[in-house]
Amino acid sequence: MPDVTQPKRSGTGRGGAAKGGGLREVARRAGVSVTTASHALNGVGRVGAGTRERVLAVAAEIGYRANPNARGLRGARTGLLGLTHRTAVEGGVTDIEYFVKIVNAATWTAMAHNYSLVLVPPSLDGRPFDSLPLDGTIVIDPLTDDPLLTRLSGLGVPIVTTGRDLSRKDAFPWVDNELSTCALAAFDHLASTGARRVGLLTGSTGQSYDEDAAHAYREWCVRTGSPVLMDRAEPGTDSTAAAHRLLTRPDRPDALYVVMEKFGFATLAVCRELGLRVPQDVQIVVGADGEFARSARPALTALDLGPEEIGKQAAELLIDLVQEPRQAERGPRFRLVQATLLQRDSTRSPAG
């Protein structure tokens, strides 16, 4: 049985004695075996109420607490799943419909399987995860060569991502849209309306949704003989500068595919500033549907990426991995979710 406690070195016990000591010290003072002390501290095994209270009292006296991560060393489960995001959006994602729908669907799916979902604030080094007794974690939109995935993997925490770490795209199970196909649907739709200079506004985060769109766009331009009119928004910005650069080019696009809904907001604002009419002068398709796209004037044509299905399948995949760890030995599993183009007033109807 591993030592599942860790010391707090500050303070003093009764009689002024310094606090500190290991699991064996807890067992010695409580007059029980090390195994019994471990079971009492971690709430497992058959331990009488009186014995458990005595062990907990000794642990409190000498300043020890159970280490939540050590439960995983013996295969016990806590019923807690984590979910975090790796977006560059200022202040988090709770006001972005796409992410909210993923979280809600994952939460309800976890509850249906008797798990609880914990929303963990994002951090570059993943330190919050060190103190959380999680059975597994969903990571939304990982970075390229993501240090969080490295840290979680080192802790032995099962991981499922929505989107992919492009440097290790086959290393972890993932759920995603076939974003290259989604982007091609947007480009083809714009071309079918008579657009001749279709541009792309994407980000520079290195996350898979940005790079998938850029890759698909370049291939589409080669295939169709179209000019490459692309710009990237810097991380943490509202993309206004990138939209302005695109729309003031001498060969400015007459149609734009923008990968994020918030980019659509910036693009509309720039069009108004420059006196460009939507869709008469510039057509716009946004890469993720949401309340802004629906309520904008004009309403924005958008891709419905199926975030509810993504959240549901990510939670199911993670729970399968937690309950059947040997799945990892057979290699990661991947799931694709279909997207749908929702035509609205920001694009014209296809010719003919």
Protein backbone atom coordinates (compact mmCIF):
# COMPACT_ATOMS: atom_id res chain seq x y z
CA MET A 1 0.00 0.00 0.00
CA PRO A 2 1.59 3.32 -1.05
CA ASP A 3 2.02 6.21 1.33
CA VAL A 4 -0.99 8.34 0.43
CA THR A 5 -0.32 11.30 2.69
CA GLN A 6 1.86 14.34 2.48
CA PRO A 7 3.12 16.65 5.21
CA LYS A 8 2.26 20.16 6.20
CA ARG A 9 5.41 21.38 7.93
CA SER A 10 4.02 24.47 9.63
CA GLY A 11 2.46 24.71 13.08
CA THR A 12 2.80 22.68 16.27
CA GLY A 13 0.84 19.84 17.82
CA ARG A 14 -0.40 19.54 21.38
CA GLY A 15 2.20 20.20 24.01
CA GLY A 16 4.22 22.29 21.56
CA ALA A 17 5.56 19.29 19.65
CA ALA A 18 6.43 20.07 16.04
CA LYS A 19 4.03 18.70 13.49
CA GLY A 20 5.23 16.32 10.80
CA GLY A 21 5.76 12.64 10.11
CA GLY A 22 4.69 10.01 7.63
CA LEU A 23 1.85 7.57 7.32
CA ARG A 24 3.73 5.23 9.64
CA GLU A 25 3.74 7.93 12.31
CA VAL A 26 -0.02 8.35 11.96
CA ALA A 27 -0.44 4.58 12.31
CA ARG A 28 1.90 4.41 15.33
CA ARG A 29 0.16 7.20 17.22
CA ALA A 30 -3.28 5.79 16.42
CA GLY A 31 -2.23 2.26 17.39
CA VAL A 32 -3.20 0.68 14.06
CA SER A 33 -1.43 -0.89 11.10
CA VAL A 34 -0.19 1.23 8.21
CA THR A 35 -2.82 -0.36 5.93
CA THR A 36 -5.62 0.49 8.36
CA ALA A 37 -4.37 4.07 8.67
CA SER A 38 -4.26 4.41 4.88
CA HIS A 39 -7.79 3.03 4.52
CA ALA A 40 -9.11 5.35 7.24
CA LEU A 41 -7.49 8.43 5.69
CA ASN A 42 -8.80 7.67 2.21
CA GLY A 43 -12.26 6.40 3.14
CA VAL A 44 -11.84 2.87 1.77
CA GLY A 45 -11.77 -0.61 3.24
CA ARG A 46 -13.51 -1.93 6.33
CA VAL A 47 -12.54 0.38 9.16
CA GLY A 48 -14.67 0.88 12.25
CA ALA A 49 -16.09 4.31 12.92
CA GLY A 50 -14.13 4.69 16.15
CA THR A 51 -10.86 3.66 14.52
CA ARG A 52 -11.44 5.97 11.57
CA GLU A 53 -12.13 8.92 13.88
CA ARG A 54 -8.98 8.19 15.89
CA VAL A 55 -6.80 8.01 12.76
CA LEU A 56 -8.28 11.22 11.35
CA ALA A 57 -7.75 12.98 14.66
CA VAL A 58 -4.09 11.95 14.75
CA ALA A 59 -3.62 13.02 11.12
CA ALA A 60 -5.12 16.41 11.91
CA GLU A 61 -2.97 16.73 15.03
CA ILE A 62 0.29 16.21 13.18
CA GLY A 63 -0.82 18.22 10.13
CA TYR A 64 -1.35 15.55 7.51
CA ARG A 65 -3.97 15.34 4.79
CA ALA A 66 -4.78 12.70 2.19
CA ASN A 67 -3.12 13.21 -1.18
CA PRO A 68 -5.97 13.12 -3.73
CA ASN A 69 -3.75 12.09 -6.61
CA ALA A 70 -2.44 9.06 -4.73
CA ARG A 71 -5.81 7.37 -5.03
CA GLY A 72 -5.01 6.68 -8.64
CA LEU A 73 -1.94 4.71 -7.57
CA ARG A 74 -4.13 1.87 -6.37
CA GLY A 75 -6.74 2.17 -9.12
CA ALA A 76 -9.52 3.73 -7.05
CA ARG A 77 -11.89 6.12 -8.81
CA THR A 78 -13.27 9.37 -7.50
CA GLY A 79 -16.15 9.89 -9.92
CA LEU A 80 -14.76 13.28 -10.98
CA LEU A 81 -13.92 14.26 -14.55
CA GLY A 82 -12.15 17.50 -15.44
CA LEU A 83 -12.77 19.81 -18.37
CA THR A 84 -10.58 22.73 -19.38
CA HIS A 85 -9.99 24.84 -22.46
CA ARG A 86 -6.86 26.18 -24.16
CA THR A 87 -8.37 29.17 -25.96
CA ALA A 88 -6.74 32.58 -26.13
CA VAL A 89 -10.09 34.29 -25.48
CA GLU A 90 -9.75 36.93 -22.79
CA GLY A 91 -11.62 36.06 -19.59
CA GLY A 92 -12.45 32.50 -20.57
CA VAL A 93 -15.15 30.89 -22.63
CA THR A 94 -18.33 31.12 -20.57
CA ASP A 95 -19.78 33.76 -22.89
CA ILE A 96 -19.07 31.80 -26.08
CA GLU A 97 -22.01 29.63 -27.08
CA TYR A 98 -19.93 26.94 -28.78
CA PHE A 99 -17.96 26.20 -25.60
CA VAL A 100 -20.98 26.50 -23.32
CA LYS A 101 -22.79 23.87 -25.36
CA ILE A 102 -19.81 21.52 -25.19
CA VAL A 103 -19.62 21.94 -21.40
CA ASN A 104 -23.36 21.43 -20.90
CA ALA A 105 -23.50 18.31 -23.05
CA ALA A 106 -20.41 16.82 -21.41
CA THR A 107 -21.85 17.58 -17.95
CA TRP A 108 -25.19 15.86 -18.63
CA THR A 109 -23.45 12.88 -20.23
CA ALA A 110 -21.13 12.51 -17.24
CA MET A 111 -24.09 12.66 -14.84
CA ALA A 112 -25.90 9.96 -16.81
CA HIS A 113 -22.90 7.70 -16.12
CA ASN A 114 -22.67 8.68 -12.42
CA TYR A 115 -19.74 11.04 -12.85
CA SER A 116 -19.44 14.72 -11.98
CA LEU A 117 -17.70 17.24 -14.24
CA VAL A 118 -15.32 19.87 -12.83
CA LEU A 119 -14.60 22.96 -14.95
CA VAL A 120 -10.91 23.69 -14.36
CA PRO A 121 -9.56 27.20 -15.12
CA PRO A 122 -6.94 27.16 -17.86
CA SER A 123 -3.27 27.52 -16.99
CA LEU A 124 -0.17 27.11 -19.12
CA ASP A 125 1.58 24.67 -16.80
CA GLY A 126 -1.48 22.73 -15.65
CA ARG A 127 -0.68 23.22 -11.96
CA PRO A 128 -4.35 23.23 -10.81
CA PHE A 129 -4.57 19.58 -11.84
CA ASP A 130 -1.93 18.52 -9.31
CA SER A 131 -4.36 18.85 -6.41
CA LEU A 132 -7.52 17.54 -8.08
CA PRO A 133 -8.53 13.88 -7.69
CA LEU A 134 -9.69 13.46 -11.28
CA ASP A 135 -10.37 10.18 -13.03
CA GLY A 136 -9.81 11.82 -16.42
CA THR A 137 -9.89 15.15 -18.25
CA ILE A 138 -11.35 16.66 -21.43
CA VAL A 139 -9.12 19.35 -22.96
CA ILE A 140 -10.84 21.67 -25.44
CA ASP A 141 -8.72 22.94 -28.37
CA PRO A 142 -5.23 21.94 -27.20
CA LEU A 143 -2.21 23.91 -28.32
CA THR A 144 0.48 22.54 -30.59
CA ASP A 145 2.93 20.54 -28.45
CA ASP A 146 0.68 21.39 -25.50
CA PRO A 147 2.51 21.36 -22.13
CA LEU A 148 -0.75 20.60 -20.33
CA LEU A 149 -1.18 17.34 -22.22
CA THR A 150 2.40 16.45 -21.35
CA ARG A 151 1.80 17.16 -17.66
CA LEU A 152 -1.49 15.27 -17.47
CA SER A 153 0.01 12.32 -19.30
CA GLY A 154 2.89 12.31 -16.83
CA LEU A 155 0.40 12.23 -13.94
CA GLY A 156 -1.28 9.21 -15.50
CA VAL A 157 -4.55 11.08 -16.07
CA PRO A 158 -6.61 9.75 -19.03
CA ILE A 159 -7.12 12.50 -21.63
CA VAL A 160 -9.59 13.16 -24.43
CA THR A 161 -9.29 16.31 -26.53
CA THR A 162 -11.77 18.18 -28.71
CA GLY A 163 -9.57 19.36 -31.52
CA ARG A 164 -6.05 17.99 -31.75
CA ASP A 165 -2.52 18.74 -30.64
CA LEU A 166 -1.07 18.97 -34.16
CA SER A 167 2.38 17.84 -33.06
CA ARG A 168 0.88 14.68 -31.52
CA LYS A 169 -2.39 14.31 -33.38
CA ASP A 170 -2.46 10.53 -32.92
CA ALA A 171 -1.22 10.45 -29.32
CA PHE A 172 -4.50 11.10 -27.50
CA PRO A 173 -8.13 10.19 -28.24
CA TRP A 174 -10.02 13.12 -29.75
CA VAL A 175 -13.42 14.28 -30.99
CA ASP A 176 -13.60 16.91 -33.71
CA ASN A 177 -15.29 18.10 -36.86
CA GLU A 178 -13.74 17.31 -40.18
CA LEU A 179 -12.78 20.97 -40.33
CA SER A 180 -11.05 20.76 -43.68
CA THR A 181 -14.29 19.51 -45.20
CA CYS A 182 -16.26 22.18 -43.30
CA ALA A 183 -14.06 24.95 -44.66
CA LEU A 184 -14.29 23.57 -48.17
CA ALA A 185 -18.08 23.65 -47.90
CA ALA A 186 -17.87 27.35 -47.01
CA PHE A 187 -15.45 28.16 -49.85
CA ASP A 188 -17.53 26.23 -52.38
CA HIS A 189 -20.71 27.95 -51.21
CA LEU A 190 -19.15 31.38 -51.65
CA ALA A 191 -17.85 30.47 -55.10
CA SER A 192 -21.30 29.20 -56.09
CA THR A 193 -22.76 32.67 -55.34
CA GLY A 194 -20.44 34.27 -57.87
CA ALA A 195 -17.61 35.33 -55.54
CA ARG A 196 -14.29 35.47 -57.40
CA ARG A 197 -11.89 36.55 -54.64
CA VAL A 198 -12.66 34.37 -51.61
CA GLY A 199 -10.47 35.27 -48.63
CA LEU A 200 -9.73 33.66 -45.27
CA LEU A 201 -9.44 35.30 -41.85
CA THR A 202 -7.99 32.85 -39.34
CA GLY A 203 -5.98 32.97 -36.12
CA SER A 204 -2.33 32.40 -35.29
CA THR A 205 -2.72 30.27 -32.16
CA GLY A 206 -1.42 27.09 -33.75
CA GLN A 207 -4.59 25.30 -32.65
CA SER A 208 -6.05 22.74 -35.01
CA TYR A 209 -9.12 24.72 -36.05
CA ASP A 210 -6.91 27.58 -37.30
CA GLU A 211 -4.45 25.34 -39.12
CA ASP A 212 -7.10 23.04 -40.61
CA ALA A 213 -8.83 26.04 -42.17
CA ALA A 214 -5.57 27.49 -43.53
CA HIS A 215 -4.51 24.15 -45.00
CA ALA A 216 -7.90 23.57 -46.63
CA TYR A 217 -7.93 27.12 -48.02
CA ARG A 218 -4.54 26.85 -49.69
CA GLU A 219 -5.48 23.53 -51.28
CA TRP A 220 -8.80 24.96 -52.45
CA CYS A 221 -7.07 27.96 -54.02
CA VAL A 222 -4.68 25.67 -55.91
CA ARG A 223 -7.53 23.44 -57.09
CA THR A 224 -9.74 26.32 -58.24
CA GLY A 225 -7.02 28.67 -59.47
CA SER A 226 -8.14 31.33 -56.98
CA PRO A 227 -5.79 33.94 -55.48
CA VAL A 228 -4.63 33.39 -51.90
CA LEU A 229 -6.08 36.26 -49.83
CA MET A 230 -5.43 35.30 -46.23
CA ASP A 231 -4.63 37.10 -42.98
CA ARG A 232 -4.22 35.98 -39.38
CA ALA A 233 -5.41 37.62 -36.18
CA GLU A 234 -2.91 37.78 -33.34
CA PRO A 235 -3.75 35.79 -30.17
CA GLY A 236 -5.83 37.76 -27.67
CA THR A 237 -6.97 40.38 -30.20
CA ASP A 238 -10.43 41.04 -31.61
CA SER A 239 -9.16 40.47 -35.19
CA THR A 240 -10.16 43.99 -36.30
CA ALA A 241 -6.67 44.81 -37.58
CA ALA A 242 -6.48 41.62 -39.64
CA ALA A 243 -9.96 42.21 -41.11
CA HIS A 244 -8.99 45.79 -41.96
CA ARG A 245 -5.82 44.64 -43.74
CA LEU A 246 -7.79 42.18 -45.83
CA LEU A 247 -10.56 44.58 -46.77
CA THR A 248 -8.24 47.44 -47.75
CA ARG A 249 -6.06 45.40 -50.11
CA PRO A 250 -6.01 46.60 -53.72
CA ASP A 251 -7.35 43.14 -54.62
CA ARG A 252 -9.65 42.96 -51.61
CA PRO A 253 -11.76 39.84 -51.19
CA ASP A 254 -15.39 39.95 -52.30
CA ALA A 255 -16.15 37.14 -49.82
CA LEU A 256 -14.61 36.03 -46.53
CA TYR A 257 -14.59 32.87 -44.47
CA VAL A 258 -13.74 33.76 -40.86
CA VAL A 259 -12.96 30.85 -38.56
CA MET A 260 -14.47 32.20 -35.33
CA GLU A 261 -17.78 33.87 -34.57
CA LYS A 262 -16.04 36.80 -32.83
CA PHE A 263 -14.05 37.40 -36.05
CA GLY A 264 -17.39 37.93 -37.79
CA PHE A 265 -18.20 40.74 -35.36
CA ALA A 266 -14.93 42.48 -36.20
CA THR A 267 -15.39 41.95 -39.93
CA LEU A 268 -18.87 43.47 -39.92
CA ALA A 269 -17.55 46.49 -38.00
CA VAL A 270 -14.75 47.01 -40.52
CA CYS A 271 -17.19 46.71 -43.43
CA ARG A 272 -19.34 49.46 -41.90
CA GLU A 273 -16.27 51.64 -41.33
CA LEU A 274 -15.18 51.23 -44.95
CA GLY A 275 -18.68 51.66 -46.39
CA LEU A 276 -18.80 48.10 -47.73
CA ARG A 277 -22.23 46.49 -47.95
CA VAL A 278 -22.86 42.90 -46.82
CA PRO A 279 -23.52 40.84 -48.88
CA GLN A 280 -23.52 43.10 -51.95
CA ASP A 281 -19.83 44.08 -51.69
CA VAL A 282 -18.49 41.48 -49.25
CA GLN A 283 -20.05 38.15 -48.31
CA ILE A 284 -19.24 36.61 -44.92
CA VAL A 285 -19.33 33.05 -43.56
CA VAL A 286 -18.32 32.39 -39.95
CA GLY A 287 -16.82 29.08 -38.90
CA ALA A 288 -18.97 28.52 -35.79
CA ASP A 289 -22.62 29.35 -35.26
CA GLY A 290 -23.87 31.22 -32.18
CA GLU A 291 -26.17 33.91 -30.90
CA PHE A 292 -24.10 36.71 -32.44
CA ALA A 293 -24.19 35.13 -35.88
CA ARG A 294 -27.96 34.69 -35.64
CA SER A 295 -28.70 38.18 -34.29
CA ALA A 296 -26.20 40.19 -36.36
CA ARG A 297 -27.52 42.53 -39.04
CA PRO A 298 -27.33 41.06 -41.54
CA ALA A 299 -27.54 37.61 -39.96
CA LEU A 300 -24.35 35.69 -40.69
CA THR A 301 -24.15 32.49 -42.67
CA ALA A 302 -22.40 30.06 -40.34
CA LEU A 303 -21.25 26.49 -39.80
CA ASP A 304 -23.10 24.58 -37.10
CA LEU A 305 -20.27 22.45 -35.72
CA GLY A 306 -22.53 20.34 -33.51
CA PRO A 307 -20.95 21.32 -30.16
CA GLU A 308 -23.55 19.37 -28.17
CA GLU A 309 -22.58 16.19 -30.00
CA ILE A 310 -18.89 16.98 -29.56
CA GLY A 311 -19.34 17.38 -25.79
CA LYS A 312 -21.43 14.22 -25.52
CA GLN A 313 -19.00 12.09 -27.49
CA ALA A 314 -15.96 13.48 -25.69
CA ALA A 315 -17.47 12.58 -22.31
CA GLU A 316 -18.47 9.12 -23.52
CA LEU A 317 -15.02 8.48 -24.94
CA LEU A 318 -13.34 9.61 -21.71
CA ILE A 319 -15.62 7.50 -19.52
CA ASP A 320 -14.90 4.46 -21.70
CA LEU A 321 -11.19 5.14 -21.29
CA VAL A 322 -11.49 5.50 -17.49
CA GLN A 323 -13.54 2.33 -17.11
CA GLU A 324 -11.50 0.30 -19.59
CA PRO A 325 -7.87 1.48 -19.25
CA ARG A 326 -6.64 -1.22 -21.63
CA GLN A 327 -8.25 0.71 -24.47
CA ALA A 328 -5.21 2.98 -24.36
CA GLU A 329 -2.97 -0.01 -25.05
CA ARG A 330 -4.86 -0.65 -28.28
CA GLY A 331 -4.22 2.92 -29.43
CA PRO A 332 -6.27 6.15 -29.28
CA ARG A 333 -9.77 6.35 -30.68
CA PHE A 334 -11.08 9.21 -32.78
CA ARG A 335 -14.60 10.44 -33.53
CA LEU A 336 -15.74 12.89 -36.19
CA VAL A 337 -18.86 15.04 -35.86
CA GLN A 338 -20.64 16.33 -38.96
CA ALA A 339 -21.08 20.08 -39.49
CA THR A 340 -23.88 21.86 -41.37
CA LEU A 341 -23.76 25.11 -43.35
CA LEU A 342 -26.58 27.44 -42.28
CA GLN A 343 -27.20 30.01 -45.02
CA ARG A 344 -28.35 33.44 -43.85
CA ASP A 345 -28.40 37.01 -45.17
CA SER A 346 -24.63 37.62 -45.20
CA THR A 347 -24.25 35.51 -48.35
CA ARG A 348 -26.16 35.48 -51.60
CA SER A 349 -28.03 32.47 -52.92
CA PRO A 350 -26.06 30.22 -55.27
CA ALA A 351 -26.28 31.25 -58.89
CA GLY A 352 -28.86 29.25 -60.83
